[in-house]
Amino acid sequence: MRKAVGQFGEDFATRYLKKKGYRVLARNWKAMGVELDIVCKYEGELVFVEVKTRRSRVAGDPEDSVTVLKRSHLERAAHAYLDTLSDHDVPWRVDVVAINLVEGNDPEVVHFEGI
């Protein structure tokens, strides 16, 4: 069930980002023992997106699970991705898309840019 919720969230976030004008370059890109959920390009900037999806707020909001350790893993993975590019000086940032699944309603989405 947890994996299905995560997959739903990533699919939903991908559609959400595309509607906002983001161009998706990769999904579930793995390196250095961590994964980048979505890699996008937006207005000349690479955007590494971490997607967090929850079915309930009992354990807090989805974004609460992006800890300092998780941020350092995301940064390490972002650098690994950048190392695969010919242009290492491209501007980049890490975003979080937090999704709350509310039974009977549309998912609630909050997009945190440049965490």
N, C-alpha and C. Protein backbone atom coordinates (compact mmCIF):
# COMPACT_ATOMS: atom_id res chain seq x y z
N MET A 1 0.82 -1.20 0.00
CA MET A 1 0.00 0.00 0.00
C MET A 1 0.86 1.26 0.00
N ARG A 2 1.92 1.26 0.81
CA ARG A 2 2.79 2.43 0.91
C ARG A 2 3.44 2.76 -0.43
N LYS A 3 3.90 1.71 -1.12
CA LYS A 3 4.54 1.89 -2.43
C LYS A 3 3.53 2.45 -3.43
N ALA A 4 2.29 1.96 -3.37
CA ALA A 4 1.25 2.45 -4.28
C ALA A 4 0.94 3.92 -4.02
N VAL A 5 0.92 4.32 -2.76
CA VAL A 5 0.67 5.72 -2.41
C VAL A 5 1.81 6.59 -2.94
N GLY A 6 3.04 6.12 -2.76
CA GLY A 6 4.20 6.87 -3.26
C GLY A 6 4.18 7.00 -4.77
N GLN A 7 3.83 5.92 -5.46
CA GLN A 7 3.76 5.95 -6.93
C GLN A 7 2.67 6.90 -7.40
N PHE A 8 1.51 6.84 -6.73
CA PHE A 8 0.43 7.77 -7.06
C PHE A 8 0.91 9.21 -6.90
N GLY A 9 1.59 9.48 -5.79
CA GLY A 9 2.07 10.83 -5.52
C GLY A 9 3.06 11.32 -6.57
N GLU A 10 3.99 10.45 -6.98
CA GLU A 10 4.96 10.84 -8.00
C GLU A 10 4.28 11.09 -9.35
N ASP A 11 3.31 10.25 -9.70
CA ASP A 11 2.56 10.45 -10.94
C ASP A 11 1.78 11.76 -10.89
N PHE A 12 1.13 12.01 -9.76
CA PHE A 12 0.35 13.23 -9.59
C PHE A 12 1.26 14.45 -9.66
N ALA A 13 2.40 14.39 -8.97
CA ALA A 13 3.35 15.51 -8.96
C ALA A 13 3.91 15.77 -10.36
N THR A 14 4.15 14.71 -11.12
CA THR A 14 4.64 14.88 -12.49
C THR A 14 3.63 15.65 -13.33
N ARG A 15 2.37 15.26 -13.25
CA ARG A 15 1.32 15.97 -14.00
C ARG A 15 1.20 17.42 -13.52
N TYR A 16 1.26 17.62 -12.22
CA TYR A 16 1.18 18.96 -11.63
C TYR A 16 2.31 19.86 -12.16
N LEU A 17 3.54 19.34 -12.15
CA LEU A 17 4.69 20.11 -12.61
C LEU A 17 4.60 20.42 -14.10
N LYS A 18 4.17 19.45 -14.88
CA LYS A 18 4.02 19.67 -16.33
C LYS A 18 3.00 20.79 -16.59
N LYS A 19 1.90 20.79 -15.84
CA LYS A 19 0.89 21.84 -16.01
C LYS A 19 1.46 23.22 -15.67
N LYS A 20 2.44 23.27 -14.77
CA LYS A 20 3.07 24.54 -14.39
C LYS A 20 4.19 24.94 -15.37
N GLY A 21 4.43 24.11 -16.38
CA GLY A 21 5.42 24.45 -17.39
C GLY A 21 6.79 23.81 -17.20
N TYR A 22 6.91 22.89 -16.25
CA TYR A 22 8.17 22.18 -16.05
C TYR A 22 8.32 21.10 -17.13
N ARG A 23 9.53 20.91 -17.60
CA ARG A 23 9.82 19.82 -18.56
C ARG A 23 10.51 18.71 -17.79
N VAL A 24 9.87 17.56 -17.71
CA VAL A 24 10.40 16.42 -16.96
C VAL A 24 11.50 15.74 -17.77
N LEU A 25 12.69 15.62 -17.17
CA LEU A 25 13.83 14.99 -17.82
C LEU A 25 14.03 13.55 -17.37
N ALA A 26 13.72 13.26 -16.12
CA ALA A 26 13.93 11.91 -15.58
C ALA A 26 13.03 11.71 -14.37
N ARG A 27 12.73 10.43 -14.12
CA ARG A 27 12.01 10.04 -12.92
C ARG A 27 12.74 8.88 -12.28
N ASN A 28 12.76 8.88 -10.96
CA ASN A 28 13.38 7.80 -10.18
C ASN A 28 14.83 7.56 -10.58
N TRP A 29 15.57 8.65 -10.73
CA TRP A 29 16.99 8.58 -11.09
C TRP A 29 17.78 8.21 -9.84
N LYS A 30 18.59 7.15 -9.94
CA LYS A 30 19.30 6.64 -8.76
C LYS A 30 20.80 6.83 -8.91
N ALA A 31 21.43 7.22 -7.80
CA ALA A 31 22.89 7.33 -7.71
C ALA A 31 23.27 7.49 -6.25
N MET A 32 24.47 7.06 -5.92
CA MET A 32 25.03 7.29 -4.59
C MET A 32 24.12 6.77 -3.48
N GLY A 33 23.34 5.74 -3.76
CA GLY A 33 22.48 5.15 -2.75
C GLY A 33 21.23 5.95 -2.44
N VAL A 34 20.95 6.98 -3.21
CA VAL A 34 19.73 7.77 -3.03
C VAL A 34 19.04 7.93 -4.39
N GLU A 35 17.82 8.39 -4.36
CA GLU A 35 17.03 8.52 -5.58
C GLU A 35 16.49 9.93 -5.70
N LEU A 36 16.52 10.44 -6.91
CA LEU A 36 15.85 11.70 -7.23
C LEU A 36 14.50 11.32 -7.83
N ASP A 37 13.42 11.75 -7.17
CA ASP A 37 12.09 11.36 -7.64
C ASP A 37 11.82 11.89 -9.05
N ILE A 38 12.04 13.19 -9.23
CA ILE A 38 11.77 13.82 -10.52
C ILE A 38 12.88 14.84 -10.79
N VAL A 39 13.40 14.81 -12.01
CA VAL A 39 14.37 15.82 -12.46
C VAL A 39 13.69 16.60 -13.57
N CYS A 40 13.66 17.93 -13.42
CA CYS A 40 12.96 18.79 -14.38
C CYS A 40 13.86 19.93 -14.83
N LYS A 41 13.40 20.58 -15.87
CA LYS A 41 13.99 21.84 -16.30
C LYS A 41 12.88 22.87 -16.28
N TYR A 42 13.17 24.02 -15.69
CA TYR A 42 12.17 25.09 -15.61
C TYR A 42 12.88 26.43 -15.71
N GLU A 43 12.53 27.18 -16.72
CA GLU A 43 13.10 28.51 -16.93
C GLU A 43 14.63 28.50 -16.86
N GLY A 44 15.24 27.53 -17.55
CA GLY A 44 16.70 27.46 -17.63
C GLY A 44 17.40 26.89 -16.41
N GLU A 45 16.64 26.41 -15.47
CA GLU A 45 17.20 25.89 -14.22
C GLU A 45 16.84 24.41 -14.09
N LEU A 46 17.80 23.59 -13.64
CA LEU A 46 17.49 22.20 -13.31
C LEU A 46 16.81 22.18 -11.95
N VAL A 47 15.77 21.39 -11.84
CA VAL A 47 15.02 21.30 -10.59
C VAL A 47 14.92 19.83 -10.20
N PHE A 48 15.47 19.51 -9.04
CA PHE A 48 15.41 18.16 -8.49
C PHE A 48 14.26 18.15 -7.49
N VAL A 49 13.25 17.32 -7.75
CA VAL A 49 12.02 17.36 -6.97
C VAL A 49 11.89 16.10 -6.12
N GLU A 50 11.74 16.32 -4.83
CA GLU A 50 11.42 15.25 -3.89
C GLU A 50 9.91 15.29 -3.66
N VAL A 51 9.26 14.14 -3.84
CA VAL A 51 7.81 14.05 -3.67
C VAL A 51 7.51 13.30 -2.38
N LYS A 52 6.68 13.90 -1.55
CA LYS A 52 6.25 13.26 -0.31
C LYS A 52 4.72 13.22 -0.30
N THR A 53 4.18 12.03 -0.10
CA THR A 53 2.74 11.84 -0.14
C THR A 53 2.28 11.15 1.13
N ARG A 54 1.21 11.67 1.70
CA ARG A 54 0.64 11.05 2.91
C ARG A 54 -0.87 10.91 2.76
N ARG A 55 -1.37 9.85 3.37
CA ARG A 55 -2.82 9.61 3.39
C ARG A 55 -3.48 10.22 4.61
N SER A 56 -2.66 10.66 5.57
CA SER A 56 -3.18 11.20 6.82
C SER A 56 -2.16 12.16 7.41
N ARG A 57 -2.62 13.06 8.23
CA ARG A 57 -1.71 14.00 8.89
C ARG A 57 -1.34 13.53 10.30
N VAL A 58 -1.68 12.31 10.64
CA VAL A 58 -1.41 11.77 11.97
C VAL A 58 0.08 11.89 12.30
N ALA A 59 0.94 11.60 11.33
CA ALA A 59 2.39 11.68 11.54
C ALA A 59 2.96 13.03 11.09
N GLY A 60 2.09 14.01 10.87
CA GLY A 60 2.53 15.33 10.43
C GLY A 60 2.33 15.51 8.94
N ASP A 61 2.72 16.68 8.47
CA ASP A 61 2.61 16.98 7.04
C ASP A 61 3.70 16.26 6.27
N PRO A 62 3.46 15.99 4.98
CA PRO A 62 4.45 15.25 4.19
C PRO A 62 5.83 15.90 4.19
N GLU A 63 5.87 17.20 4.10
CA GLU A 63 7.15 17.91 4.04
C GLU A 63 7.97 17.76 5.32
N ASP A 64 7.31 17.40 6.43
CA ASP A 64 8.03 17.21 7.69
C ASP A 64 9.05 16.08 7.61
N SER A 65 8.85 15.15 6.66
CA SER A 65 9.76 14.02 6.55
C SER A 65 11.03 14.34 5.74
N VAL A 66 11.14 15.57 5.24
CA VAL A 66 12.36 15.98 4.54
C VAL A 66 13.30 16.56 5.59
N THR A 67 14.03 15.68 6.24
CA THR A 67 14.92 16.05 7.34
C THR A 67 16.24 16.62 6.81
N VAL A 68 17.07 17.06 7.72
CA VAL A 68 18.40 17.55 7.36
C VAL A 68 19.19 16.43 6.67
N LEU A 69 19.08 15.22 7.17
CA LEU A 69 19.77 14.09 6.55
C LEU A 69 19.25 13.84 5.14
N LYS A 70 17.93 13.88 4.97
CA LYS A 70 17.34 13.68 3.65
C LYS A 70 17.81 14.76 2.69
N ARG A 71 17.88 16.00 3.16
CA ARG A 71 18.35 17.11 2.32
C ARG A 71 19.79 16.88 1.87
N SER A 72 20.62 16.37 2.76
CA SER A 72 22.01 16.13 2.38
C SER A 72 22.09 15.01 1.35
N HIS A 73 21.23 14.00 1.46
CA HIS A 73 21.18 12.92 0.46
C HIS A 73 20.73 13.47 -0.88
N LEU A 74 19.73 14.35 -0.87
CA LEU A 74 19.24 14.95 -2.11
C LEU A 74 20.33 15.79 -2.77
N GLU A 75 21.06 16.54 -1.98
CA GLU A 75 22.13 17.37 -2.52
C GLU A 75 23.23 16.49 -3.14
N ARG A 76 23.55 15.41 -2.46
CA ARG A 76 24.57 14.49 -2.98
C ARG A 76 24.11 13.87 -4.30
N ALA A 77 22.85 13.47 -4.37
CA ALA A 77 22.31 12.90 -5.60
C ALA A 77 22.25 13.95 -6.71
N ALA A 78 21.90 15.18 -6.36
CA ALA A 78 21.88 16.27 -7.34
C ALA A 78 23.27 16.47 -7.94
N HIS A 79 24.28 16.48 -7.10
CA HIS A 79 25.66 16.63 -7.60
C HIS A 79 26.05 15.45 -8.49
N ALA A 80 25.61 14.25 -8.15
CA ALA A 80 25.90 13.08 -8.99
C ALA A 80 25.23 13.25 -10.35
N TYR A 81 24.00 13.75 -10.37
CA TYR A 81 23.31 13.99 -11.64
C TYR A 81 24.05 15.05 -12.44
N LEU A 82 24.44 16.13 -11.78
CA LEU A 82 25.16 17.21 -12.47
C LEU A 82 26.47 16.70 -13.07
N ASP A 83 27.10 15.74 -12.41
CA ASP A 83 28.35 15.18 -12.92
C ASP A 83 28.16 14.43 -14.24
N THR A 84 26.92 14.04 -14.55
CA THR A 84 26.65 13.35 -15.81
C THR A 84 26.47 14.32 -16.98
N LEU A 85 26.40 15.60 -16.69
CA LEU A 85 26.16 16.61 -17.72
C LEU A 85 27.47 17.20 -18.23
N SER A 86 27.44 17.64 -19.46
CA SER A 86 28.64 18.28 -20.02
C SER A 86 28.82 19.69 -19.44
N ASP A 87 27.72 20.35 -19.08
CA ASP A 87 27.77 21.69 -18.49
C ASP A 87 27.51 21.56 -16.99
N HIS A 88 28.58 21.64 -16.20
CA HIS A 88 28.45 21.48 -14.74
C HIS A 88 28.02 22.78 -14.05
N ASP A 89 27.97 23.87 -14.80
CA ASP A 89 27.65 25.17 -14.19
C ASP A 89 26.19 25.57 -14.36
N VAL A 90 25.36 24.64 -14.73
CA VAL A 90 23.94 24.94 -14.90
C VAL A 90 23.33 25.29 -13.53
N PRO A 91 22.49 26.33 -13.48
CA PRO A 91 21.84 26.64 -12.20
C PRO A 91 20.86 25.53 -11.83
N TRP A 92 20.75 25.27 -10.51
CA TRP A 92 19.87 24.20 -10.05
C TRP A 92 19.34 24.50 -8.67
N ARG A 93 18.29 23.75 -8.32
CA ARG A 93 17.70 23.85 -6.99
C ARG A 93 17.00 22.55 -6.66
N VAL A 94 16.64 22.40 -5.39
CA VAL A 94 15.88 21.24 -4.94
C VAL A 94 14.52 21.74 -4.44
N ASP A 95 13.46 21.13 -4.93
CA ASP A 95 12.10 21.45 -4.51
C ASP A 95 11.49 20.24 -3.81
N VAL A 96 10.43 20.50 -3.06
CA VAL A 96 9.62 19.43 -2.48
C VAL A 96 8.17 19.66 -2.92
N VAL A 97 7.55 18.61 -3.41
CA VAL A 97 6.11 18.64 -3.67
C VAL A 97 5.47 17.74 -2.63
N ALA A 98 4.69 18.36 -1.75
CA ALA A 98 4.02 17.64 -0.65
C ALA A 98 2.56 17.44 -1.03
N ILE A 99 2.12 16.19 -0.93
CA ILE A 99 0.76 15.85 -1.33
C ILE A 99 0.04 15.16 -0.18
N ASN A 100 -1.10 15.72 0.19
CA ASN A 100 -1.98 15.10 1.19
C ASN A 100 -3.18 14.52 0.46
N LEU A 101 -3.40 13.23 0.65
CA LEU A 101 -4.56 12.57 0.06
C LEU A 101 -5.70 12.64 1.06
N VAL A 102 -6.73 13.35 0.68
CA VAL A 102 -7.88 13.55 1.55
C VAL A 102 -9.05 12.78 0.96
N GLU A 103 -9.52 11.79 1.70
CA GLU A 103 -10.60 10.94 1.18
C GLU A 103 -11.80 11.77 0.78
N GLY A 104 -12.27 11.53 -0.45
CA GLY A 104 -13.45 12.23 -0.94
C GLY A 104 -13.16 13.58 -1.55
N ASN A 105 -11.92 14.03 -1.51
CA ASN A 105 -11.55 15.33 -2.08
C ASN A 105 -10.36 15.18 -3.01
N ASP A 106 -10.09 16.22 -3.77
CA ASP A 106 -8.88 16.23 -4.60
C ASP A 106 -7.66 16.29 -3.69
N PRO A 107 -6.54 15.73 -4.13
CA PRO A 107 -5.32 15.81 -3.32
C PRO A 107 -4.93 17.28 -3.08
N GLU A 108 -4.41 17.53 -1.88
CA GLU A 108 -3.90 18.87 -1.54
C GLU A 108 -2.41 18.88 -1.87
N VAL A 109 -1.97 19.89 -2.64
CA VAL A 109 -0.58 19.96 -3.08
C VAL A 109 0.03 21.26 -2.60
N VAL A 110 1.24 21.14 -2.02
CA VAL A 110 2.04 22.32 -1.67
C VAL A 110 3.40 22.13 -2.31
N HIS A 111 3.84 23.13 -3.07
CA HIS A 111 5.12 23.08 -3.78
C HIS A 111 6.09 24.04 -3.09
N PHE A 112 7.13 23.47 -2.49
CA PHE A 112 8.17 24.25 -1.82
C PHE A 112 9.34 24.37 -2.79
N GLU A 113 9.64 25.57 -3.22
CA GLU A 113 10.72 25.78 -4.18
C GLU A 113 12.02 26.14 -3.45
N GLY A 114 13.10 25.54 -3.91
CA GLY A 114 14.41 25.91 -3.42
C GLY A 114 14.64 25.65 -1.95
N ILE A 115 14.34 24.43 -1.51
CA ILE A 115 14.54 24.13 -0.10
C ILE A 115 16.01 24.14 0.23
